[in-house]
Amino acid sequence: MRSTVTDTLPPRVKRALGKLGADIALARKKRSLTIMMMAERLGIAKSTYLKIEKGDPTVAMGAYAMTFFVLGFDDALTKIMDAQRDEQGLLLDAQRLPKRIRARKNSGAI
């Protein structure tokens, strides 16, 4: 039997997606938009939009991205994995720096 994406997600990720869905629903309500209005603006079925508000991991990333755009969070995706904010990655880069640098010997230098 094949496991689904939902079955293999860690609980922490499931909670994060659930919160994202709830936050999307709240943002929609604050803008006085109906579920049907959102679905039409996104170009998706109402049932798919409802999955977005539930934080369903099987919904395409593009649908979530378009949801951010319609709600006015255009730059949200660019901030998620910003390399300048990746503290662990920056630390690993610093650890990989060589202790010292040696000049290369040129065999054909004049």
N, C-alpha and C. Protein backbone atom coordinates (compact mmCIF):
# COMPACT_ATOMS: atom_id res chain seq x y z
N MET A 1 0.83 -1.18 0.00
CA MET A 1 0.00 0.00 0.00
C MET A 1 0.87 1.25 0.00
N ARG A 2 0.56 2.19 -0.87
CA ARG A 2 1.32 3.43 -0.99
C ARG A 2 0.85 4.45 0.04
N SER A 3 1.80 5.12 0.66
CA SER A 3 1.42 6.17 1.61
C SER A 3 1.22 7.47 0.85
N THR A 4 0.37 8.30 1.37
CA THR A 4 0.12 9.59 0.73
C THR A 4 0.97 10.66 1.40
N VAL A 5 1.03 11.81 0.76
CA VAL A 5 1.78 12.93 1.31
C VAL A 5 1.28 13.25 2.72
N THR A 6 -0.02 13.23 2.89
CA THR A 6 -0.61 13.57 4.18
C THR A 6 -0.18 12.60 5.27
N ASP A 7 -0.05 11.32 4.92
CA ASP A 7 0.35 10.30 5.91
C ASP A 7 1.79 10.45 6.35
N THR A 8 2.65 10.97 5.49
CA THR A 8 4.07 11.03 5.80
C THR A 8 4.53 12.37 6.37
N LEU A 9 3.64 13.34 6.41
CA LEU A 9 4.03 14.65 6.94
C LEU A 9 4.24 14.60 8.45
N PRO A 10 5.30 15.20 8.92
CA PRO A 10 5.48 15.30 10.38
C PRO A 10 4.37 16.16 10.98
N PRO A 11 3.97 15.86 12.21
CA PRO A 11 2.89 16.63 12.86
C PRO A 11 3.15 18.14 12.86
N ARG A 12 4.38 18.53 13.03
CA ARG A 12 4.73 19.95 13.05
C ARG A 12 4.41 20.63 11.71
N VAL A 13 4.66 19.92 10.62
CA VAL A 13 4.37 20.45 9.29
C VAL A 13 2.87 20.51 9.06
N LYS A 14 2.15 19.48 9.52
CA LYS A 14 0.68 19.48 9.40
C LYS A 14 0.08 20.68 10.13
N ARG A 15 0.59 20.94 11.34
CA ARG A 15 0.09 22.09 12.11
C ARG A 15 0.40 23.39 11.39
N ALA A 16 1.60 23.51 10.82
CA ALA A 16 1.98 24.73 10.11
C ALA A 16 1.08 24.97 8.90
N LEU A 17 0.78 23.91 8.16
CA LEU A 17 -0.12 24.05 7.01
C LEU A 17 -1.53 24.40 7.45
N GLY A 18 -1.97 23.81 8.56
CA GLY A 18 -3.29 24.15 9.10
C GLY A 18 -3.38 25.61 9.49
N LYS A 19 -2.31 26.11 10.12
CA LYS A 19 -2.27 27.52 10.50
C LYS A 19 -2.26 28.41 9.27
N LEU A 20 -1.48 28.02 8.25
CA LEU A 20 -1.45 28.78 7.01
C LEU A 20 -2.84 28.87 6.41
N GLY A 21 -3.55 27.75 6.35
CA GLY A 21 -4.91 27.74 5.82
C GLY A 21 -5.84 28.65 6.61
N ALA A 22 -5.74 28.59 7.94
CA ALA A 22 -6.57 29.44 8.79
C ALA A 22 -6.23 30.92 8.59
N ASP A 23 -4.96 31.22 8.43
CA ASP A 23 -4.54 32.60 8.18
C ASP A 23 -5.05 33.11 6.83
N ILE A 24 -5.05 32.23 5.83
CA ILE A 24 -5.59 32.59 4.52
C ILE A 24 -7.08 32.88 4.63
N ALA A 25 -7.80 32.03 5.35
CA ALA A 25 -9.24 32.24 5.54
C ALA A 25 -9.51 33.57 6.24
N LEU A 26 -8.72 33.88 7.25
CA LEU A 26 -8.89 35.13 7.98
C LEU A 26 -8.61 36.33 7.09
N ALA A 27 -7.55 36.26 6.30
CA ALA A 27 -7.22 37.35 5.38
C ALA A 27 -8.33 37.55 4.35
N ARG A 28 -8.91 36.46 3.87
CA ARG A 28 -10.02 36.55 2.92
C ARG A 28 -11.22 37.26 3.55
N LYS A 29 -11.54 36.86 4.76
CA LYS A 29 -12.69 37.45 5.46
C LYS A 29 -12.47 38.93 5.75
N LYS A 30 -11.26 39.31 6.13
CA LYS A 30 -10.95 40.72 6.39
C LYS A 30 -11.13 41.57 5.14
N ARG A 31 -10.96 40.96 3.96
CA ARG A 31 -11.11 41.67 2.69
C ARG A 31 -12.53 41.56 2.14
N SER A 32 -13.41 40.96 2.93
CA SER A 32 -14.83 40.77 2.56
C SER A 32 -14.99 40.02 1.24
N LEU A 33 -14.18 38.99 1.06
CA LEU A 33 -14.26 38.16 -0.14
C LEU A 33 -14.93 36.83 0.22
N THR A 34 -15.81 36.37 -0.64
CA THR A 34 -16.44 35.07 -0.41
C THR A 34 -15.51 33.96 -0.93
N ILE A 35 -15.81 32.75 -0.53
CA ILE A 35 -15.05 31.61 -1.00
C ILE A 35 -15.16 31.51 -2.52
N MET A 36 -16.37 31.73 -3.03
CA MET A 36 -16.58 31.65 -4.48
C MET A 36 -15.81 32.74 -5.21
N MET A 37 -15.75 33.94 -4.65
CA MET A 37 -14.99 35.03 -5.27
C MET A 37 -13.51 34.65 -5.35
N MET A 38 -12.98 34.07 -4.29
CA MET A 38 -11.57 33.66 -4.28
C MET A 38 -11.33 32.58 -5.32
N ALA A 39 -12.19 31.60 -5.36
CA ALA A 39 -12.02 30.51 -6.33
C ALA A 39 -12.02 31.04 -7.75
N GLU A 40 -12.92 31.97 -8.04
CA GLU A 40 -12.99 32.56 -9.38
C GLU A 40 -11.73 33.35 -9.70
N ARG A 41 -11.25 34.14 -8.75
CA ARG A 41 -10.05 34.94 -8.99
C ARG A 41 -8.81 34.08 -9.16
N LEU A 42 -8.81 32.94 -8.50
CA LEU A 42 -7.67 32.02 -8.60
C LEU A 42 -7.77 31.12 -9.83
N GLY A 43 -8.97 31.01 -10.37
CA GLY A 43 -9.18 30.13 -11.51
C GLY A 43 -9.18 28.67 -11.13
N ILE A 44 -9.66 28.38 -9.93
CA ILE A 44 -9.71 26.99 -9.45
C ILE A 44 -11.13 26.67 -8.97
N ALA A 45 -11.38 25.42 -8.73
CA ALA A 45 -12.69 24.98 -8.23
C ALA A 45 -12.86 25.42 -6.77
N LYS A 46 -14.10 25.61 -6.38
CA LYS A 46 -14.42 25.98 -5.01
C LYS A 46 -13.88 24.93 -4.03
N SER A 47 -13.99 23.66 -4.41
CA SER A 47 -13.51 22.59 -3.54
C SER A 47 -11.99 22.67 -3.33
N THR A 48 -11.27 23.06 -4.37
CA THR A 48 -9.81 23.21 -4.24
C THR A 48 -9.48 24.37 -3.33
N TYR A 49 -10.23 25.47 -3.47
CA TYR A 49 -9.98 26.61 -2.58
C TYR A 49 -10.25 26.23 -1.12
N LEU A 50 -11.30 25.47 -0.89
CA LEU A 50 -11.60 25.03 0.48
C LEU A 50 -10.45 24.19 1.04
N LYS A 51 -9.81 23.40 0.19
CA LYS A 51 -8.64 22.64 0.64
C LYS A 51 -7.51 23.57 1.04
N ILE A 52 -7.35 24.67 0.32
CA ILE A 52 -6.30 25.65 0.66
C ILE A 52 -6.56 26.19 2.06
N GLU A 53 -7.80 26.53 2.35
CA GLU A 53 -8.12 27.09 3.67
C GLU A 53 -7.99 26.05 4.78
N LYS A 54 -7.94 24.78 4.41
CA LYS A 54 -7.71 23.71 5.39
C LYS A 54 -6.23 23.38 5.51
N GLY A 55 -5.41 23.95 4.62
CA GLY A 55 -3.98 23.67 4.64
C GLY A 55 -3.65 22.31 4.06
N ASP A 56 -4.39 21.89 3.08
CA ASP A 56 -4.19 20.59 2.45
C ASP A 56 -2.87 20.56 1.68
N PRO A 57 -1.97 19.61 2.00
CA PRO A 57 -0.67 19.56 1.33
C PRO A 57 -0.73 19.04 -0.11
N THR A 58 -1.87 18.52 -0.52
CA THR A 58 -1.97 17.99 -1.89
C THR A 58 -2.31 19.05 -2.92
N VAL A 59 -2.65 20.25 -2.46
CA VAL A 59 -2.95 21.35 -3.38
C VAL A 59 -1.64 21.86 -3.97
N ALA A 60 -1.66 22.15 -5.26
CA ALA A 60 -0.45 22.60 -5.96
C ALA A 60 0.10 23.89 -5.35
N MET A 61 1.41 23.98 -5.34
CA MET A 61 2.10 25.17 -4.83
C MET A 61 1.65 26.42 -5.58
N GLY A 62 1.40 26.28 -6.87
CA GLY A 62 0.96 27.42 -7.67
C GLY A 62 -0.36 27.99 -7.18
N ALA A 63 -1.25 27.13 -6.71
CA ALA A 63 -2.54 27.60 -6.20
C ALA A 63 -2.33 28.40 -4.91
N TYR A 64 -1.43 27.93 -4.05
CA TYR A 64 -1.11 28.69 -2.84
C TYR A 64 -0.47 30.03 -3.22
N ALA A 65 0.46 30.00 -4.18
CA ALA A 65 1.14 31.23 -4.62
C ALA A 65 0.15 32.24 -5.16
N MET A 66 -0.78 31.78 -5.96
CA MET A 66 -1.79 32.68 -6.53
C MET A 66 -2.71 33.22 -5.43
N THR A 67 -2.97 32.42 -4.42
CA THR A 67 -3.77 32.88 -3.27
C THR A 67 -3.06 34.02 -2.57
N PHE A 68 -1.75 33.87 -2.35
CA PHE A 68 -0.98 34.96 -1.73
C PHE A 68 -1.08 36.22 -2.57
N PHE A 69 -0.95 36.08 -3.87
CA PHE A 69 -1.00 37.22 -4.78
C PHE A 69 -2.36 37.92 -4.71
N VAL A 70 -3.43 37.15 -4.79
CA VAL A 70 -4.78 37.74 -4.77
C VAL A 70 -5.04 38.47 -3.45
N LEU A 71 -4.49 37.95 -2.36
CA LEU A 71 -4.70 38.58 -1.05
C LEU A 71 -3.73 39.72 -0.77
N GLY A 72 -2.80 39.96 -1.69
CA GLY A 72 -1.87 41.08 -1.53
C GLY A 72 -0.56 40.73 -0.85
N PHE A 73 -0.25 39.45 -0.76
CA PHE A 73 1.02 39.01 -0.17
C PHE A 73 1.97 38.58 -1.28
N ASP A 74 2.18 39.46 -2.25
CA ASP A 74 2.97 39.14 -3.45
C ASP A 74 4.36 38.62 -3.14
N ASP A 75 5.01 39.19 -2.14
CA ASP A 75 6.40 38.83 -1.88
C ASP A 75 6.56 37.75 -0.81
N ALA A 76 5.47 37.14 -0.38
CA ALA A 76 5.54 36.14 0.69
C ALA A 76 6.44 34.97 0.32
N LEU A 77 6.35 34.49 -0.90
CA LEU A 77 7.15 33.33 -1.30
C LEU A 77 8.64 33.64 -1.38
N THR A 78 8.98 34.86 -1.75
CA THR A 78 10.40 35.20 -1.86
C THR A 78 11.07 35.28 -0.49
N LYS A 79 10.29 35.43 0.55
CA LYS A 79 10.85 35.55 1.90
C LYS A 79 10.96 34.21 2.62
N ILE A 80 10.26 33.19 2.15
CA ILE A 80 10.23 31.91 2.86
C ILE A 80 11.62 31.30 2.97
N MET A 81 12.33 31.18 1.88
CA MET A 81 13.64 30.53 1.88
C MET A 81 14.74 31.49 1.47
N ASP A 82 14.67 32.71 1.96
CA ASP A 82 15.66 33.73 1.63
C ASP A 82 17.03 33.30 2.16
N ALA A 83 17.99 33.17 1.27
CA ALA A 83 19.33 32.71 1.64
C ALA A 83 20.00 33.63 2.66
N GLN A 84 19.67 34.90 2.65
CA GLN A 84 20.27 35.84 3.60
C GLN A 84 19.73 35.65 5.02
N ARG A 85 18.59 34.97 5.15
CA ARG A 85 18.01 34.72 6.47
C ARG A 85 18.23 33.29 6.92
N ASP A 86 18.96 32.50 6.16
CA ASP A 86 19.22 31.09 6.47
C ASP A 86 20.40 31.01 7.43
N GLU A 87 20.12 31.12 8.72
CA GLU A 87 21.17 31.15 9.73
C GLU A 87 22.01 29.88 9.72
N GLN A 88 21.36 28.74 9.61
CA GLN A 88 22.11 27.48 9.60
C GLN A 88 22.99 27.38 8.35
N GLY A 89 22.47 27.76 7.21
CA GLY A 89 23.25 27.73 5.97
C GLY A 89 24.44 28.68 6.04
N LEU A 90 24.23 29.86 6.59
CA LEU A 90 25.33 30.82 6.72
C LEU A 90 26.41 30.29 7.67
N LEU A 91 25.99 29.64 8.74
CA LEU A 91 26.94 29.05 9.68
C LEU A 91 27.74 27.94 9.01
N LEU A 92 27.06 27.10 8.23
CA LEU A 92 27.76 26.02 7.51
C LEU A 92 28.76 26.59 6.51
N ASP A 93 28.38 27.65 5.83
CA ASP A 93 29.30 28.31 4.89
C ASP A 93 30.55 28.78 5.62
N ALA A 94 30.37 29.40 6.78
CA ALA A 94 31.50 29.92 7.55
C ALA A 94 32.41 28.78 8.01
N GLN A 95 31.82 27.63 8.36
CA GLN A 95 32.61 26.49 8.82
C GLN A 95 33.42 25.87 7.68
N ARG A 96 32.94 26.01 6.47
CA ARG A 96 33.62 25.41 5.31
C ARG A 96 34.79 26.25 4.79
N LEU A 97 34.93 27.46 5.27
CA LEU A 97 36.02 28.31 4.80
C LEU A 97 37.34 27.66 5.17
N PRO A 98 38.29 27.72 4.26
CA PRO A 98 39.61 27.11 4.57
C PRO A 98 40.31 27.88 5.69
N LYS A 99 41.12 27.14 6.43
CA LYS A 99 41.87 27.76 7.53
C LYS A 99 42.93 28.72 7.01
N ARG A 100 43.55 28.34 5.90
CA ARG A 100 44.53 29.22 5.28
C ARG A 100 44.49 29.01 3.77
N ILE A 101 44.98 29.99 3.07
CA ILE A 101 45.00 29.97 1.61
C ILE A 101 46.46 29.92 1.16
N ARG A 102 46.77 29.01 0.25
CA ARG A 102 48.12 28.91 -0.29
C ARG A 102 48.09 29.31 -1.75
N ALA A 103 49.11 30.03 -2.15
CA ALA A 103 49.22 30.42 -3.56
C ALA A 103 49.58 29.18 -4.37
N ARG A 104 49.01 29.07 -5.55
CA ARG A 104 49.31 27.94 -6.42
C ARG A 104 50.65 28.17 -7.11
N LYS A 105 51.37 27.10 -7.28
CA LYS A 105 52.65 27.17 -8.01
C LYS A 105 52.35 26.99 -9.48
N ASN A 106 52.81 27.93 -10.25
CA ASN A 106 52.66 27.84 -11.71
C ASN A 106 53.88 27.13 -12.26
N SER A 107 53.64 26.09 -13.03
CA SER A 107 54.76 25.32 -13.60
C SER A 107 55.40 26.05 -14.77
N GLY A 108 54.69 26.91 -15.47
CA GLY A 108 55.24 27.59 -16.65
C GLY A 108 55.41 29.08 -16.43
N ALA A 109 55.53 29.54 -15.23
CA ALA A 109 55.67 30.97 -14.96
C ALA A 109 57.05 31.48 -15.34
N ILE A 110 57.11 32.72 -15.75
CA ILE A 110 58.38 33.33 -16.14
C ILE A 110 59.04 34.00 -14.97
